[in-house]
Amino acid sequence: MTKHMSDRVLEATVIQLVEAEQGRVTAQAELDSFKADHPRPEPPGAFPTLRVFIEYYRRVRSYEVEVAKRERKLATAEKLYAQAAEQLQDVLPENVPLNYDYRGSLRDVIVKRQGEVSIEEPAPSAGP
């Protein structure tokens, strides 16, 4: 049985899907960039003093906190995306692309293939 959604809820769900996808891309880029710019602190060959060990532990803990912050942001975006995609599964016809202009400039193609809703890159337009 097809799920029934009001126009307002349907529109909000599509917007949530698109914004969550943008959030996923941004959060993943931030996580990757942080890891590239700030590698995990390497332990020395030996800790000559307790103070050196404590400083090392502080740097590792700080690194892990920063990574976890970015991972939570990514997980939140992924959860919002999955929720919206699940809501659209029952109402979006299979293999029928939905072209969506987000805020008048960004075009997204939302499509359900093999029961899974996703955002695809728009097909290149045929030029002159």
C-alpha atoms as a PDB file:
ATOM      1  CA  MET A   1       0.000   0.000   0.000  1.00  0.00           C
ATOM      2  CA  THR A   2       1.308   3.416  -0.934  1.00  0.00           C
ATOM      3  CA  LYS A   3       2.070   5.834   1.854  1.00  0.00           C
ATOM      4  CA  HIS A   4       0.038   9.048   1.764  1.00  0.00           C
ATOM      5  CA  MET A   5       1.840  12.330   2.343  1.00  0.00           C
ATOM      6  CA  SER A   6       0.553  15.863   2.144  1.00  0.00           C
ATOM      7  CA  ASP A   7       2.121  18.158  -0.438  1.00  0.00           C
ATOM      8  CA  ARG A   8       3.863  20.079   2.333  1.00  0.00           C
ATOM      9  CA  VAL A   9       5.310  16.936   3.930  1.00  0.00           C
ATOM     10  CA  LEU A  10       6.375  15.576   0.551  1.00  0.00           C
ATOM     11  CA  GLU A  11       8.169  18.802  -0.326  1.00  0.00           C
ATOM     12  CA  ALA A  12       9.824  18.949   3.104  1.00  0.00           C
ATOM     13  CA  THR A  13      10.997  15.354   2.695  1.00  0.00           C
ATOM     14  CA  VAL A  14      12.590  16.069  -0.685  1.00  0.00           C
ATOM     15  CA  ILE A  15      14.295  19.157   0.770  1.00  0.00           C
ATOM     16  CA  GLN A  16      15.525  17.084   3.743  1.00  0.00           C
ATOM     17  CA  LEU A  17      16.976  14.490   1.357  1.00  0.00           C
ATOM     18  CA  VAL A  18      18.826  17.117  -0.699  1.00  0.00           C
ATOM     19  CA  GLU A  19      20.091  19.052   2.321  1.00  0.00           C
ATOM     20  CA  ALA A  20      21.178  15.852   4.062  1.00  0.00           C
ATOM     21  CA  GLU A  21      23.112  14.803   0.950  1.00  0.00           C
ATOM     22  CA  GLN A  22      24.859  18.166   0.918  1.00  0.00           C
ATOM     23  CA  GLY A  23      25.521  17.746   4.634  1.00  0.00           C
ATOM     24  CA  ARG A  24      26.984  14.278   4.060  1.00  0.00           C
ATOM     25  CA  VAL A  25      29.319  15.544   1.361  1.00  0.00           C
ATOM     26  CA  THR A  26      30.420  18.514   3.456  1.00  0.00           C
ATOM     27  CA  ALA A  27      30.877  16.464   6.639  1.00  0.00           C
ATOM     28  CA  GLN A  28      32.867  13.776   4.829  1.00  0.00           C
ATOM     29  CA  ALA A  29      35.097  16.431   3.245  1.00  0.00           C
ATOM     30  CA  GLU A  30      35.653  18.073   6.646  1.00  0.00           C
ATOM     31  CA  LEU A  31      36.540  14.734   8.226  1.00  0.00           C
ATOM     32  CA  ASP A  32      38.908  13.809   5.401  1.00  0.00           C
ATOM     33  CA  SER A  33      40.494  17.258   5.430  1.00  0.00           C
ATOM     34  CA  PHE A  34      41.000  17.198   9.193  1.00  0.00           C
ATOM     35  CA  LYS A  35      42.627  13.767   9.060  1.00  0.00           C
ATOM     36  CA  ALA A  36      44.866  14.847   6.178  1.00  0.00           C
ATOM     37  CA  ASP A  37      45.918  18.095   7.883  1.00  0.00           C
ATOM     38  CA  HIS A  38      46.148  16.681  11.405  1.00  0.00           C
ATOM     39  CA  PRO A  39      47.509  13.144  11.493  1.00  0.00           C
ATOM     40  CA  ARG A  40      47.028  11.118  14.655  1.00  0.00           C
ATOM     41  CA  PRO A  41      49.938  11.814  17.022  1.00  0.00           C
ATOM     42  CA  GLU A  42      52.579   9.103  16.829  1.00  0.00           C
ATOM     43  CA  PRO A  43      54.034   7.817  20.067  1.00  0.00           C
ATOM     44  CA  PRO A  44      57.739   8.323  20.586  1.00  0.00           C
ATOM     45  CA  GLY A  45      60.061   5.344  20.815  1.00  0.00           C
ATOM     46  CA  ALA A  46      59.991   5.802  24.585  1.00  0.00           C
ATOM     47  CA  PHE A  47      58.481   8.184  27.103  1.00  0.00           C
ATOM     48  CA  PRO A  48      61.480   9.627  28.932  1.00  0.00           C
ATOM     49  CA  THR A  49      59.274  11.208  31.591  1.00  0.00           C
ATOM     50  CA  LEU A  50      55.742  11.071  32.878  1.00  0.00           C
ATOM     51  CA  ARG A  51      55.253  14.636  31.637  1.00  0.00           C
ATOM     52  CA  VAL A  52      56.077  13.555  28.044  1.00  0.00           C
ATOM     53  CA  PHE A  53      53.575  10.694  28.324  1.00  0.00           C
ATOM     54  CA  ILE A  54      50.867  13.020  29.668  1.00  0.00           C
ATOM     55  CA  GLU A  55      51.467  15.498  26.837  1.00  0.00           C
ATOM     56  CA  TYR A  56      51.278  12.710  24.272  1.00  0.00           C
ATOM     57  CA  TYR A  57      48.050  11.412  25.818  1.00  0.00           C
ATOM     58  CA  ARG A  58      46.582  14.951  25.782  1.00  0.00           C
ATOM     59  CA  ARG A  59      47.361  15.327  22.054  1.00  0.00           C
ATOM     60  CA  VAL A  60      45.840  11.904  21.249  1.00  0.00           C
ATOM     61  CA  ARG A  61      42.716  12.686  23.272  1.00  0.00           C
ATOM     62  CA  SER A  62      42.348  16.073  21.571  1.00  0.00           C
ATOM     63  CA  TYR A  63      42.748  14.456  18.157  1.00  0.00           C
ATOM     64  CA  GLU A  64      40.139  11.797  18.964  1.00  0.00           C
ATOM     65  CA  VAL A  65      37.671  14.415  20.216  1.00  0.00           C
ATOM     66  CA  GLU A  66      38.033  16.412  17.005  1.00  0.00           C
ATOM     67  CA  VAL A  67      37.629  13.312  14.817  1.00  0.00           C
ATOM     68  CA  ALA A  68      34.591  12.173  16.823  1.00  0.00           C
ATOM     69  CA  LYS A  69      32.984  15.612  16.442  1.00  0.00           C
ATOM     70  CA  ARG A  70      33.282  15.362  12.658  1.00  0.00           C
ATOM     71  CA  GLU A  71      32.140  11.735  12.633  1.00  0.00           C
ATOM     72  CA  ARG A  72      28.999  12.676  14.610  1.00  0.00           C
ATOM     73  CA  LYS A  73      28.218  15.417  12.113  1.00  0.00           C
ATOM     74  CA  LEU A  74      28.579  12.898   9.266  1.00  0.00           C
ATOM     75  CA  ALA A  75      26.446  10.305  11.081  1.00  0.00           C
ATOM     76  CA  THR A  76      23.698  12.876  11.676  1.00  0.00           C
ATOM     77  CA  ALA A  77      23.625  13.812   7.985  1.00  0.00           C
ATOM     78  CA  GLU A  78      23.570  10.130   7.002  1.00  0.00           C
ATOM     79  CA  LYS A  79      20.685   9.465   9.403  1.00  0.00           C
ATOM     80  CA  LEU A  80      18.645  12.395   8.046  1.00  0.00           C
ATOM     81  CA  TYR A  81      19.341  11.232   4.490  1.00  0.00           C
ATOM     82  CA  ALA A  82      18.283   7.655   5.281  1.00  0.00           C
ATOM     83  CA  GLN A  83      15.061   8.861   6.958  1.00  0.00           C
ATOM     84  CA  ALA A  84      14.082  10.990   3.968  1.00  0.00           C
ATOM     85  CA  ALA A  85      15.014   8.281   1.465  1.00  0.00           C
ATOM     86  CA  GLU A  86      12.915   5.749   3.369  1.00  0.00           C
ATOM     87  CA  GLN A  87       9.906   8.072   3.360  1.00  0.00           C
ATOM     88  CA  LEU A  88      10.235   8.591  -0.383  1.00  0.00           C
ATOM     89  CA  GLN A  89      10.583   4.876  -1.197  1.00  0.00           C
ATOM     90  CA  ASP A  90       6.831   4.309  -1.092  1.00  0.00           C
ATOM     91  CA  VAL A  91       5.855   7.363  -3.125  1.00  0.00           C
ATOM     92  CA  LEU A  92       8.550   7.775  -5.786  1.00  0.00           C
ATOM     93  CA  PRO A  93       7.971   5.540  -8.819  1.00  0.00           C
ATOM     94  CA  GLU A  94      10.766   3.160  -9.783  1.00  0.00           C
ATOM     95  CA  ASN A  95      13.231   4.473 -12.424  1.00  0.00           C
ATOM     96  CA  VAL A  96      11.462   7.817 -12.883  1.00  0.00           C
ATOM     97  CA  PRO A  97      13.944  10.648 -12.208  1.00  0.00           C
ATOM     98  CA  LEU A  98      12.782  13.656 -10.233  1.00  0.00           C
ATOM     99  CA  ASN A  99      14.700  16.750 -11.346  1.00  0.00           C
ATOM    100  CA  TYR A 100      14.841  19.142  -8.444  1.00  0.00           C
ATOM    101  CA  ASP A 101      16.255  22.660  -8.504  1.00  0.00           C
ATOM    102  CA  TYR A 102      17.379  23.412  -4.993  1.00  0.00           C
ATOM    103  CA  ARG A 103      17.195  27.107  -4.176  1.00  0.00           C
ATOM    104  CA  GLY A 104      17.106  27.963  -7.854  1.00  0.00           C
ATOM    105  CA  SER A 105      20.626  26.948  -8.761  1.00  0.00           C
ATOM    106  CA  LEU A 106      21.642  23.448  -7.750  1.00  0.00           C
ATOM    107  CA  ARG A 107      19.976  20.719  -9.764  1.00  0.00           C
ATOM    108  CA  ASP A 108      19.591  17.299  -8.233  1.00  0.00           C
ATOM    109  CA  VAL A 109      18.216  14.151  -9.785  1.00  0.00           C
ATOM    110  CA  ILE A 110      16.407  11.982  -7.273  1.00  0.00           C
ATOM    111  CA  VAL A 111      15.585   8.492  -8.437  1.00  0.00           C
ATOM    112  CA  LYS A 112      14.468   5.164  -7.030  1.00  0.00           C
ATOM    113  CA  ARG A 113      16.333   2.216  -8.518  1.00  0.00           C
ATOM    114  CA  GLN A 114      15.844  -1.315  -7.272  1.00  0.00           C
ATOM    115  CA  GLY A 115      13.815   0.047  -4.381  1.00  0.00           C
ATOM    116  CA  GLU A 116      16.532   2.442  -3.157  1.00  0.00           C
ATOM    117  CA  VAL A 117      16.112   6.222  -3.351  1.00  0.00           C
ATOM    118  CA  SER A 118      19.279   8.156  -4.126  1.00  0.00           C
ATOM    119  CA  ILE A 119      20.540  11.389  -5.593  1.00  0.00           C
ATOM    120  CA  GLU A 120      22.391  11.027  -8.871  1.00  0.00           C
ATOM    121  CA  GLU A 121      24.470  13.422 -10.889  1.00  0.00           C
ATOM    122  CA  PRO A 122      22.368  15.123 -13.553  1.00  0.00           C
ATOM    123  CA  ALA A 123      22.931  13.864 -17.080  1.00  0.00           C
ATOM    124  CA  PRO A 124      24.964  16.277 -19.189  1.00  0.00           C
ATOM    125  CA  SER A 125      22.684  18.438 -21.270  1.00  0.00           C
ATOM    126  CA  ALA A 126      22.913  18.102 -25.021  1.00  0.00           C
ATOM    127  CA  GLY A 127      24.562  21.257 -26.236  1.00  0.00           C
ATOM    128  CA  PRO A 128      24.440  22.890 -29.679  1.00  0.00           C
END
